[in-house]
Amino acid sequence: MLLFIIGLFSGMISAMGIGGGAILIPALIFIEGTKQQTAQSINLINFIPVAVVALIIHFKNKNISTRHALILTLAGLAGAVIGSGLAVRLPGEMLSRLFGVFLLIMGSYEIAYKEKNRS
């Protein structure tokens, strides 16, 4: 039941474009004891159907710029090849630290960005 709740929350966050991996990966590591590389792989598999559903809904609502999407998709594919190559070569501990630093930077950015919008 706990995995279902984690998946549900992760899917909701993913569909909003926030990134469900920020929920799913730490939950798999800390609650399930999954290795970092395995958690990231599960996140990628989980992302596919969630992204398809979100894409259909956003496409129906005309929220997609196909020009921007094409450029970002091509660059993202190149980045995915590079990133996955790095992920399988890096030790799990280093990958976990890099992921933690990434989350810290993103969280700090969100806090700073929200403060700028209020003033």
C-alpha atoms as a PDB file:
ATOM      1  CA  MET A   1       0.000   0.000   0.000  1.00  0.00           C
ATOM      2  CA  LEU A   2       2.890   2.359   0.796  1.00  0.00           C
ATOM      3  CA  LEU A   3       4.377   1.900  -2.684  1.00  0.00           C
ATOM      4  CA  PHE A   4       0.976   2.712  -4.205  1.00  0.00           C
ATOM      5  CA  ILE A   5       0.770   5.957  -2.212  1.00  0.00           C
ATOM      6  CA  ILE A   6       4.329   6.898  -3.190  1.00  0.00           C
ATOM      7  CA  GLY A   7       3.531   6.155  -6.849  1.00  0.00           C
ATOM      8  CA  LEU A   8       0.286   8.136  -6.707  1.00  0.00           C
ATOM      9  CA  PHE A   9       1.957  11.203  -5.196  1.00  0.00           C
ATOM     10  CA  SER A  10       4.912  10.918  -7.570  1.00  0.00           C
ATOM     11  CA  GLY A  11       2.566  10.678 -10.563  1.00  0.00           C
ATOM     12  CA  MET A  12       0.619  13.742  -9.474  1.00  0.00           C
ATOM     13  CA  ILE A  13       3.815  15.754  -9.055  1.00  0.00           C
ATOM     14  CA  SER A  14       5.151  14.495 -12.407  1.00  0.00           C
ATOM     15  CA  ALA A  15       1.965  15.374 -14.261  1.00  0.00           C
ATOM     16  CA  MET A  16       2.208  18.935 -12.937  1.00  0.00           C
ATOM     17  CA  GLY A  17       5.671  19.172 -14.481  1.00  0.00           C
ATOM     18  CA  ILE A  18       7.461  19.414 -11.153  1.00  0.00           C
ATOM     19  CA  GLY A  19       9.267  16.086 -11.356  1.00  0.00           C
ATOM     20  CA  GLY A  20       8.025  13.016  -9.560  1.00  0.00           C
ATOM     21  CA  GLY A  21      11.563  11.671  -9.278  1.00  0.00           C
ATOM     22  CA  ALA A  22      12.154  14.119  -6.450  1.00  0.00           C
ATOM     23  CA  ILE A  23       9.594  12.078  -4.491  1.00  0.00           C
ATOM     24  CA  LEU A  24      10.014   8.627  -5.987  1.00  0.00           C
ATOM     25  CA  ILE A  25      13.796   8.239  -5.875  1.00  0.00           C
ATOM     26  CA  PRO A  26      14.302   9.208  -2.202  1.00  0.00           C
ATOM     27  CA  ALA A  27      11.252   7.136  -1.211  1.00  0.00           C
ATOM     28  CA  LEU A  28      12.614   4.046  -2.958  1.00  0.00           C
ATOM     29  CA  ILE A  29      16.040   4.538  -1.391  1.00  0.00           C
ATOM     30  CA  PHE A  30      15.016   5.376   2.176  1.00  0.00           C
ATOM     31  CA  ILE A  31      11.790   3.405   2.548  1.00  0.00           C
ATOM     32  CA  GLU A  32      12.464   0.408   0.304  1.00  0.00           C
ATOM     33  CA  GLY A  33      16.273   0.303   0.619  1.00  0.00           C
ATOM     34  CA  THR A  34      16.749   0.345  -3.169  1.00  0.00           C
ATOM     35  CA  LYS A  35      20.166   1.151  -4.684  1.00  0.00           C
ATOM     36  CA  GLN A  36      20.490   4.634  -6.224  1.00  0.00           C
ATOM     37  CA  GLN A  37      20.945   3.353  -9.800  1.00  0.00           C
ATOM     38  CA  THR A  38      17.972   0.998  -9.425  1.00  0.00           C
ATOM     39  CA  ALA A  39      15.776   3.760  -7.991  1.00  0.00           C
ATOM     40  CA  GLN A  40      16.681   6.052 -10.876  1.00  0.00           C
ATOM     41  CA  SER A  41      15.924   3.297 -13.386  1.00  0.00           C
ATOM     42  CA  ILE A  42      12.547   2.606 -11.785  1.00  0.00           C
ATOM     43  CA  ASN A  43      11.839   6.352 -11.887  1.00  0.00           C
ATOM     44  CA  LEU A  44      12.540   6.411 -15.628  1.00  0.00           C
ATOM     45  CA  ILE A  45      10.223   3.450 -16.268  1.00  0.00           C
ATOM     46  CA  ASN A  46       7.562   5.066 -14.087  1.00  0.00           C
ATOM     47  CA  PHE A  47       7.950   8.352 -15.952  1.00  0.00           C
ATOM     48  CA  ILE A  48       6.976   6.974 -19.383  1.00  0.00           C
ATOM     49  CA  PRO A  49       3.242   6.286 -18.839  1.00  0.00           C
ATOM     50  CA  VAL A  50       2.869   9.301 -16.549  1.00  0.00           C
ATOM     51  CA  ALA A  51       4.432  11.558 -19.192  1.00  0.00           C
ATOM     52  CA  VAL A  52       2.225  10.111 -21.945  1.00  0.00           C
ATOM     53  CA  VAL A  53      -0.961  10.853 -19.989  1.00  0.00           C
ATOM     54  CA  ALA A  54       0.216  14.357 -19.055  1.00  0.00           C
ATOM     55  CA  LEU A  55       1.291  14.996 -22.649  1.00  0.00           C
ATOM     56  CA  ILE A  56      -2.136  14.035 -24.008  1.00  0.00           C
ATOM     57  CA  ILE A  57      -3.890  16.336 -21.560  1.00  0.00           C
ATOM     58  CA  HIS A  58      -1.534  19.259 -22.182  1.00  0.00           C
ATOM     59  CA  PHE A  59      -1.730  18.714 -25.952  1.00  0.00           C
ATOM     60  CA  LYS A  60      -5.562  18.776 -25.833  1.00  0.00           C
ATOM     61  CA  ASN A  61      -5.383  22.043 -23.864  1.00  0.00           C
ATOM     62  CA  LYS A  62      -2.953  23.519 -26.418  1.00  0.00           C
ATOM     63  CA  ASN A  63      -0.240  24.031 -23.796  1.00  0.00           C
ATOM     64  CA  ILE A  64       2.604  22.723 -25.961  1.00  0.00           C
ATOM     65  CA  SER A  65       4.890  24.703 -28.251  1.00  0.00           C
ATOM     66  CA  THR A  66       5.940  22.051 -30.755  1.00  0.00           C
ATOM     67  CA  ARG A  67       8.955  24.118 -31.864  1.00  0.00           C
ATOM     68  CA  HIS A  68      10.315  24.364 -28.324  1.00  0.00           C
ATOM     69  CA  ALA A  69       9.402  20.757 -27.606  1.00  0.00           C
ATOM     70  CA  LEU A  70      11.311  19.484 -30.640  1.00  0.00           C
ATOM     71  CA  ILE A  71      14.491  21.384 -29.761  1.00  0.00           C
ATOM     72  CA  LEU A  72      14.327  20.346 -26.114  1.00  0.00           C
ATOM     73  CA  THR A  73      13.555  16.727 -27.009  1.00  0.00           C
ATOM     74  CA  LEU A  74      16.570  16.435 -29.320  1.00  0.00           C
ATOM     75  CA  ALA A  75      18.867  18.021 -26.739  1.00  0.00           C
ATOM     76  CA  GLY A  76      17.285  15.865 -24.015  1.00  0.00           C
ATOM     77  CA  LEU A  77      17.975  12.696 -25.983  1.00  0.00           C
ATOM     78  CA  ALA A  78      21.650  13.628 -26.272  1.00  0.00           C
ATOM     79  CA  GLY A  79      21.735  14.446 -22.559  1.00  0.00           C
ATOM     80  CA  ALA A  80      20.051  11.136 -21.731  1.00  0.00           C
ATOM     81  CA  VAL A  81      22.770   9.194 -23.551  1.00  0.00           C
ATOM     82  CA  ILE A  82      25.487  11.110 -21.694  1.00  0.00           C
ATOM     83  CA  GLY A  83      23.720  11.014 -18.323  1.00  0.00           C
ATOM     84  CA  SER A  84      22.844   7.329 -18.397  1.00  0.00           C
ATOM     85  CA  GLY A  85      26.415   6.508 -19.378  1.00  0.00           C
ATOM     86  CA  LEU A  86      27.640   8.468 -16.368  1.00  0.00           C
ATOM     87  CA  ALA A  87      25.035   6.962 -14.030  1.00  0.00           C
ATOM     88  CA  VAL A  88      26.094   3.378 -14.685  1.00  0.00           C
ATOM     89  CA  ARG A  89      29.781   4.240 -14.268  1.00  0.00           C
ATOM     90  CA  LEU A  90      29.585   6.342 -11.096  1.00  0.00           C
ATOM     91  CA  PRO A  91      29.566   4.667  -7.683  1.00  0.00           C
ATOM     92  CA  GLY A  92      26.115   4.647  -6.059  1.00  0.00           C
ATOM     93  CA  GLU A  93      27.289   6.821  -3.156  1.00  0.00           C
ATOM     94  CA  MET A  94      28.570   9.537  -5.480  1.00  0.00           C
ATOM     95  CA  LEU A  95      25.383   9.397  -7.549  1.00  0.00           C
ATOM     96  CA  SER A  96      23.317   9.778  -4.367  1.00  0.00           C
ATOM     97  CA  ARG A  97      25.338  12.812  -3.327  1.00  0.00           C
ATOM     98  CA  LEU A  98      25.026  14.408  -6.752  1.00  0.00           C
ATOM     99  CA  PHE A  99      21.261  13.823  -6.675  1.00  0.00           C
ATOM    100  CA  GLY A 100      21.078  15.369  -3.188  1.00  0.00           C
ATOM    101  CA  VAL A 101      23.065  18.419  -4.308  1.00  0.00           C
ATOM    102  CA  PHE A 102      20.763  18.770  -7.316  1.00  0.00           C
ATOM    103  CA  LEU A 103      17.664  18.674  -5.075  1.00  0.00           C
ATOM    104  CA  LEU A 104      19.241  21.190  -2.691  1.00  0.00           C
ATOM    105  CA  ILE A 105      20.034  23.592  -5.527  1.00  0.00           C
ATOM    106  CA  MET A 106      16.546  23.243  -7.011  1.00  0.00           C
ATOM    107  CA  GLY A 107      14.907  23.728  -3.610  1.00  0.00           C
ATOM    108  CA  SER A 108      17.033  26.797  -2.893  1.00  0.00           C
ATOM    109  CA  TYR A 109      16.178  28.221  -6.293  1.00  0.00           C
ATOM    110  CA  GLU A 110      12.466  27.688  -5.701  1.00  0.00           C
ATOM    111  CA  ILE A 111      12.632  29.439  -2.323  1.00  0.00           C
ATOM    112  CA  ALA A 112      14.596  32.379  -3.770  1.00  0.00           C
ATOM    113  CA  TYR A 113      12.328  32.599  -6.828  1.00  0.00           C
ATOM    114  CA  LYS A 114       9.167  32.635  -4.727  1.00  0.00           C
ATOM    115  CA  GLU A 115      10.566  35.426  -2.559  1.00  0.00           C
ATOM    116  CA  LYS A 116      11.332  37.576  -5.627  1.00  0.00           C
ATOM    117  CA  ASN A 117       7.749  37.211  -6.877  1.00  0.00           C
ATOM    118  CA  ARG A 118       6.291  38.426  -3.569  1.00  0.00           C
ATOM    119  CA  SER A 119       8.140  41.756  -3.520  1.00  0.00           C
END
